[in-house]
Structure formats: structure tokens, C-alpha cells
Amino acid sequence: MTLYVTVQEIPPDHRGGYTLGRDELIVEDVDYDQALEAAHRRVPEGWRIIALRVERDPVPSS
């Protein structure tokens, strides 16, 4: 399965008005839990996960 992870810089405070960096990580693994664990390891320091999207591999029809 493929997990698309949107990450964003953590603002320095809660006053707002900041332009924050944003990026998408693509993680492939055998199941959701392992993909999420791998995604957390790839999030840069000072950034946070703000969205997740799952794309499961199609199941072959028999």
C-alpha cells in the first residue's frame, strides 16, 4: 500500500501570519501501521503531519 503524507513546518508560536513550508512524502509498505511508522521517521525535525491519504494496492480478481 502507498501512504501519501502531507507535512508542514511547525510555526514558532500561535500568533499566525507565517508562511510555512509544506511538502508531501510518499511511503510504500506492506500495511498501514508500518507505512505510518515509516512516515513518522521521515518527517523532518520541526515539521508535523497534517494530512494522510491511503492508496491500497488493487486486489487481483480470480
PDB file of N, CA and C in Angstrom:
ATOM      1  N   MET A   1       0.829  -1.180   0.000  1.00  0.00           N
ATOM      2  CA  MET A   1       0.000   0.000   0.000  1.00  0.00           C
ATOM      3  C   MET A   1       0.871   1.241   0.000  1.00  0.00           C
ATOM      4  N   THR A   2       0.308   2.311  -0.498  1.00  0.00           N
ATOM      5  CA  THR A   2       1.024   3.583  -0.566  1.00  0.00           C
ATOM      6  C   THR A   2       0.340   4.595   0.345  1.00  0.00           C
ATOM      7  N   LEU A   3       1.153   5.300   1.122  1.00  0.00           N
ATOM      8  CA  LEU A   3       0.650   6.326   2.035  1.00  0.00           C
ATOM      9  C   LEU A   3       1.231   7.666   1.602  1.00  0.00           C
ATOM     10  N   TYR A   4       0.355   8.619   1.308  1.00  0.00           N
ATOM     11  CA  TYR A   4       0.770   9.976   0.953  1.00  0.00           C
ATOM     12  C   TYR A   4       0.627  10.832   2.203  1.00  0.00           C
ATOM     13  N   VAL A   5       1.705  11.444   2.621  1.00  0.00           N
ATOM     14  CA  VAL A   5       1.753  12.169   3.886  1.00  0.00           C
ATOM     15  C   VAL A   5       2.073  13.634   3.606  1.00  0.00           C
ATOM     16  N   THR A   6       1.160  14.532   3.953  1.00  0.00           N
ATOM     17  CA  THR A   6       1.420  15.962   3.814  1.00  0.00           C
ATOM     18  C   THR A   6       2.003  16.461   5.122  1.00  0.00           C
ATOM     19  N   VAL A   7       3.170  17.112   5.023  1.00  0.00           N
ATOM     20  CA  VAL A   7       3.844  17.644   6.205  1.00  0.00           C
ATOM     21  C   VAL A   7       3.969  19.156   6.078  1.00  0.00           C
ATOM     22  N   GLN A   8       4.040  19.819   7.221  1.00  0.00           N
ATOM     23  CA  GLN A   8       4.126  21.277   7.259  1.00  0.00           C
ATOM     24  C   GLN A   8       5.043  21.687   8.405  1.00  0.00           C
ATOM     25  N   GLU A   9       5.764  22.784   8.184  1.00  0.00           N
ATOM     26  CA  GLU A   9       6.596  23.319   9.254  1.00  0.00           C
ATOM     27  C   GLU A   9       5.732  23.673  10.455  1.00  0.00           C
ATOM     28  N   ILE A  10       6.266  23.477  11.643  1.00  0.00           N
ATOM     29  CA  ILE A  10       5.570  23.874  12.863  1.00  0.00           C
ATOM     30  C   ILE A  10       5.848  25.359  13.076  1.00  0.00           C
ATOM     31  N   PRO A  11       4.805  26.182  13.250  1.00  0.00           N
ATOM     32  CA  PRO A  11       5.043  27.616  13.448  1.00  0.00           C
ATOM     33  C   PRO A  11       5.774  27.874  14.767  1.00  0.00           C
ATOM     34  N   PRO A  12       6.561  28.963  14.816  1.00  0.00           N
ATOM     35  CA  PRO A  12       7.315  29.266  16.036  1.00  0.00           C
ATOM     36  C   PRO A  12       6.426  29.651  17.218  1.00  0.00           C
ATOM     37  N   ASP A  13       5.230  30.145  16.946  1.00  0.00           N
ATOM     38  CA  ASP A  13       4.278  30.481  18.006  1.00  0.00           C
ATOM     39  C   ASP A  13       2.882  30.476  17.401  1.00  0.00           C
ATOM     40  N   HIS A  14       1.887  30.838  18.183  1.00  0.00           N
ATOM     41  CA  HIS A  14       0.495  30.761  17.722  1.00  0.00           C
ATOM     42  C   HIS A  14      -0.077  32.114  17.304  1.00  0.00           C
ATOM     43  N   ARG A  15       0.792  33.075  17.017  1.00  0.00           N
ATOM     44  CA  ARG A  15       0.285  34.394  16.613  1.00  0.00           C
ATOM     45  C   ARG A  15      -0.209  34.418  15.177  1.00  0.00           C
ATOM     46  N   GLY A  16       0.295  33.517  14.347  1.00  0.00           N
ATOM     47  CA  GLY A  16      -0.154  33.462  12.964  1.00  0.00           C
ATOM     48  C   GLY A  16       0.598  34.425  12.068  1.00  0.00           C
ATOM     49  N   GLY A  17       0.192  34.453  10.800  1.00  0.00           N
ATOM     50  CA  GLY A  17       0.810  35.344   9.839  1.00  0.00           C
ATOM     51  C   GLY A  17       2.094  34.806   9.233  1.00  0.00           C
ATOM     52  N   TYR A  18       2.399  33.530   9.473  1.00  0.00           N
ATOM     53  CA  TYR A  18       3.636  32.947   8.962  1.00  0.00           C
ATOM     54  C   TYR A  18       3.382  32.212   7.653  1.00  0.00           C
ATOM     55  N   THR A  19       4.357  32.242   6.773  1.00  0.00           N
ATOM     56  CA  THR A  19       4.334  31.406   5.588  1.00  0.00           C
ATOM     57  C   THR A  19       5.125  30.155   5.935  1.00  0.00           C
ATOM     58  N   LEU A  20       4.439  29.033   6.000  1.00  0.00           N
ATOM     59  CA  LEU A  20       5.066  27.789   6.436  1.00  0.00           C
ATOM     60  C   LEU A  20       5.335  26.881   5.246  1.00  0.00           C
ATOM     61  N   GLY A  21       6.467  26.188   5.298  1.00  0.00           N
ATOM     62  CA  GLY A  21       6.782  25.221   4.259  1.00  0.00           C
ATOM     63  C   GLY A  21       5.836  24.038   4.326  1.00  0.00           C
ATOM     64  N   ARG A  22       5.583  23.437   3.174  1.00  0.00           N
ATOM     65  CA  ARG A  22       4.696  22.278   3.096  1.00  0.00           C
ATOM     66  C   ARG A  22       5.274  21.329   2.053  1.00  0.00           C
ATOM     67  N   ASP A  23       5.149  20.038   2.290  1.00  0.00           N
ATOM     68  CA  ASP A  23       5.698  19.050   1.367  1.00  0.00           C
ATOM     69  C   ASP A  23       4.877  17.769   1.468  1.00  0.00           C
ATOM     70  N   GLU A  24       5.085  16.873   0.520  1.00  0.00           N
ATOM     71  CA  GLU A  24       4.403  15.587   0.557  1.00  0.00           C
ATOM     72  C   GLU A  24       5.442  14.477   0.536  1.00  0.00           C
ATOM     73  N   LEU A  25       5.282  13.518   1.424  1.00  0.00           N
ATOM     74  CA  LEU A  25       6.122  12.333   1.457  1.00  0.00           C
ATOM     75  C   LEU A  25       5.299  11.176   0.921  1.00  0.00           C
ATOM     76  N   ILE A  26       5.938  10.281   0.189  1.00  0.00           N
ATOM     77  CA  ILE A  26       5.258   9.092  -0.313  1.00  0.00           C
ATOM     78  C   ILE A  26       5.961   7.890   0.302  1.00  0.00           C
ATOM     79  N   VAL A  27       5.189   7.084   1.026  1.00  0.00           N
ATOM     80  CA  VAL A  27       5.739   5.932   1.734  1.00  0.00           C
ATOM     81  C   VAL A  27       5.016   4.678   1.255  1.00  0.00           C
ATOM     82  N   GLU A  28       5.782   3.665   0.889  1.00  0.00           N
ATOM     83  CA  GLU A  28       5.200   2.381   0.493  1.00  0.00           C
ATOM     84  C   GLU A  28       5.622   1.323   1.501  1.00  0.00           C
ATOM     85  N   ASP A  29       4.653   0.533   1.951  1.00  0.00           N
ATOM     86  CA  ASP A  29       4.943  -0.545   2.895  1.00  0.00           C
ATOM     87  C   ASP A  29       3.844  -1.591   2.783  1.00  0.00           C
ATOM     88  N   VAL A  30       3.969  -2.648   3.573  1.00  0.00           N
ATOM     89  CA  VAL A  30       3.023  -3.762   3.445  1.00  0.00           C
ATOM     90  C   VAL A  30       1.662  -3.488   4.065  1.00  0.00           C
ATOM     91  N   ASP A  31       1.606  -2.654   5.110  1.00  0.00           N
ATOM     92  CA  ASP A  31       0.312  -2.326   5.706  1.00  0.00           C
ATOM     93  C   ASP A  31       0.340  -0.899   6.266  1.00  0.00           C
ATOM     94  N   TYR A  32      -0.834  -0.443   6.696  1.00  0.00           N
ATOM     95  CA  TYR A  32      -0.991   0.944   7.148  1.00  0.00           C
ATOM     96  C   TYR A  32      -0.089   1.268   8.335  1.00  0.00           C
ATOM     97  N   ASP A  33      -0.081   0.404   9.341  1.00  0.00           N
ATOM     98  CA  ASP A  33       0.699   0.684  10.551  1.00  0.00           C
ATOM     99  C   ASP A  33       2.184   0.828  10.249  1.00  0.00           C
ATOM    100  N   GLN A  34       2.718  -0.065   9.422  1.00  0.00           N
ATOM    101  CA  GLN A  34       4.139   0.018   9.087  1.00  0.00           C
ATOM    102  C   GLN A  34       4.433   1.245   8.230  1.00  0.00           C
ATOM    103  N   ALA A  35       3.525   1.579   7.313  1.00  0.00           N
ATOM    104  CA  ALA A  35       3.718   2.762   6.477  1.00  0.00           C
ATOM    105  C   ALA A  35       3.683   4.027   7.329  1.00  0.00           C
ATOM    106  N   LEU A  36       2.766   4.085   8.289  1.00  0.00           N
ATOM    107  CA  LEU A  36       2.671   5.258   9.159  1.00  0.00           C
ATOM    108  C   LEU A  36       3.926   5.391  10.021  1.00  0.00           C
ATOM    109  N   GLU A  37       4.421   4.274  10.530  1.00  0.00           N
ATOM    110  CA  GLU A  37       5.658   4.288  11.318  1.00  0.00           C
ATOM    111  C   GLU A  37       6.824   4.817  10.483  1.00  0.00           C
ATOM    112  N   ALA A  38       6.925   4.332   9.246  1.00  0.00           N
ATOM    113  CA  ALA A  38       7.986   4.783   8.341  1.00  0.00           C
ATOM    114  C   ALA A  38       7.831   6.267   8.024  1.00  0.00           C
ATOM    115  N   ALA A  39       6.585   6.721   7.867  1.00  0.00           N
ATOM    116  CA  ALA A  39       6.341   8.139   7.581  1.00  0.00           C
ATOM    117  C   ALA A  39       6.802   9.005   8.744  1.00  0.00           C
ATOM    118  N   HIS A  40       6.482   8.608   9.958  1.00  0.00           N
ATOM    119  CA  HIS A  40       6.901   9.380  11.137  1.00  0.00           C
ATOM    120  C   HIS A  40       8.421   9.509  11.205  1.00  0.00           C
ATOM    121  N   ARG A  41       9.130   8.453  10.810  1.00  0.00           N
ATOM    122  CA  ARG A  41      10.595   8.509  10.819  1.00  0.00           C
ATOM    123  C   ARG A  41      11.132   9.485   9.779  1.00  0.00           C
ATOM    124  N   ARG A  42      10.368   9.726   8.710  1.00  0.00           N
ATOM    125  CA  ARG A  42      10.831  10.599   7.626  1.00  0.00           C
ATOM    126  C   ARG A  42      10.435  12.066   7.795  1.00  0.00           C
ATOM    127  N   VAL A  43       9.583  12.371   8.767  1.00  0.00           N
ATOM    128  CA  VAL A  43       9.171  13.764   8.982  1.00  0.00           C
ATOM    129  C   VAL A  43      10.364  14.539   9.543  1.00  0.00           C
ATOM    130  N   PRO A  44      10.765  15.621   8.862  1.00  0.00           N
ATOM    131  CA  PRO A  44      11.915  16.395   9.345  1.00  0.00           C
ATOM    132  C   PRO A  44      11.645  17.016  10.717  1.00  0.00           C
ATOM    133  N   GLU A  45      12.702  17.227  11.480  1.00  0.00           N
ATOM    134  CA  GLU A  45      12.567  17.882  12.782  1.00  0.00           C
ATOM    135  C   GLU A  45      12.003  19.283  12.569  1.00  0.00           C
ATOM    136  N   GLY A  46      11.051  19.670  13.407  1.00  0.00           N
ATOM    137  CA  GLY A  46      10.420  20.976  13.278  1.00  0.00           C
ATOM    138  C   GLY A  46       9.231  20.985  12.326  1.00  0.00           C
ATOM    139  N   TRP A  47       8.846  19.810  11.829  1.00  0.00           N
ATOM    140  CA  TRP A  47       7.699  19.664  10.941  1.00  0.00           C
ATOM    141  C   TRP A  47       6.695  18.726  11.597  1.00  0.00           C
ATOM    142  N   ARG A  48       5.467  18.718  11.056  1.00  0.00           N
ATOM    143  CA  ARG A  48       4.415  17.844  11.578  1.00  0.00           C
ATOM    144  C   ARG A  48       3.578  17.307  10.422  1.00  0.00           C
ATOM    145  N   ILE A  49       2.916  16.194  10.671  1.00  0.00           N
ATOM    146  CA  ILE A  49       1.998  15.611   9.689  1.00  0.00           C
ATOM    147  C   ILE A  49       0.665  16.335   9.813  1.00  0.00           C
ATOM    148  N   ILE A  50       0.140  16.805   8.672  1.00  0.00           N
ATOM    149  CA  ILE A  50      -1.156  17.487   8.708  1.00  0.00           C
ATOM    150  C   ILE A  50      -2.236  16.740   7.925  1.00  0.00           C
ATOM    151  N   ALA A  51      -1.842  15.777   7.080  1.00  0.00           N
ATOM    152  CA  ALA A  51      -2.844  15.024   6.317  1.00  0.00           C
ATOM    153  C   ALA A  51      -2.254  13.695   5.864  1.00  0.00           C
ATOM    154  N   LEU A  52      -3.125  12.690   5.784  1.00  0.00           N
ATOM    155  CA  LEU A  52      -2.746  11.367   5.294  1.00  0.00           C
ATOM    156  C   LEU A  52      -3.737  10.941   4.224  1.00  0.00           C
ATOM    157  N   ARG A  53      -3.229  10.281   3.189  1.00  0.00           N
ATOM    158  CA  ARG A  53      -4.101   9.702   2.165  1.00  0.00           C
ATOM    159  C   ARG A  53      -3.569   8.311   1.847  1.00  0.00           C
ATOM    160  N   VAL A  54      -4.451   7.343   1.831  1.00  0.00           N
ATOM    161  CA  VAL A  54      -4.061   5.948   1.618  1.00  0.00           C
ATOM    162  C   VAL A  54      -4.476   5.509   0.224  1.00  0.00           C
ATOM    163  N   GLU A  55      -3.550   4.851  -0.459  1.00  0.00           N
ATOM    164  CA  GLU A  55      -3.862   4.222  -1.739  1.00  0.00           C
ATOM    165  C   GLU A  55      -3.495   2.752  -1.599  1.00  0.00           C
ATOM    166  N   ARG A  56      -4.493   1.931  -1.539  1.00  0.00           N
ATOM    167  CA  ARG A  56      -4.238   0.493  -1.374  1.00  0.00           C
ATOM    168  C   ARG A  56      -4.005  -0.142  -2.742  1.00  0.00           C
ATOM    169  N   ASP A  57      -3.154  -1.156  -2.750  1.00  0.00           N
ATOM    170  CA  ASP A  57      -2.916  -1.893  -3.983  1.00  0.00           C
ATOM    171  C   ASP A  57      -4.187  -2.655  -4.343  1.00  0.00           C
ATOM    172  N   PRO A  58      -4.542  -2.679  -5.625  1.00  0.00           N
ATOM    173  CA  PRO A  58      -5.755  -3.406  -6.013  1.00  0.00           C
ATOM    174  C   PRO A  58      -5.594  -4.907  -5.753  1.00  0.00           C
ATOM    175  N   VAL A  59      -6.685  -5.522  -5.350  1.00  0.00           N
ATOM    176  CA  VAL A  59      -6.692  -6.967  -5.115  1.00  0.00           C
ATOM    177  C   VAL A  59      -7.003  -7.641  -6.442  1.00  0.00           C
ATOM    178  N   PRO A  60      -6.133  -8.545  -6.888  1.00  0.00           N
ATOM    179  CA  PRO A  60      -6.400  -9.207  -8.177  1.00  0.00           C
ATOM    180  C   PRO A  60      -7.667 -10.059  -8.105  1.00  0.00           C
ATOM    181  N   SER A  61      -8.471  -9.971  -9.146  1.00  0.00           N
ATOM    182  CA  SER A  61      -9.697 -10.781  -9.175  1.00  0.00           C
ATOM    183  C   SER A  61      -9.350 -12.164  -9.714  1.00  0.00           C
ATOM    184  N   SER A  62     -10.016 -13.161  -9.158  1.00  0.00           N
ATOM    185  CA  SER A  62      -9.691 -14.531  -9.592  1.00  0.00           C
ATOM    186  C   SER A  62     -10.798 -15.131 -10.408  1.00  0.00           C
TER     187      SER A  62
END
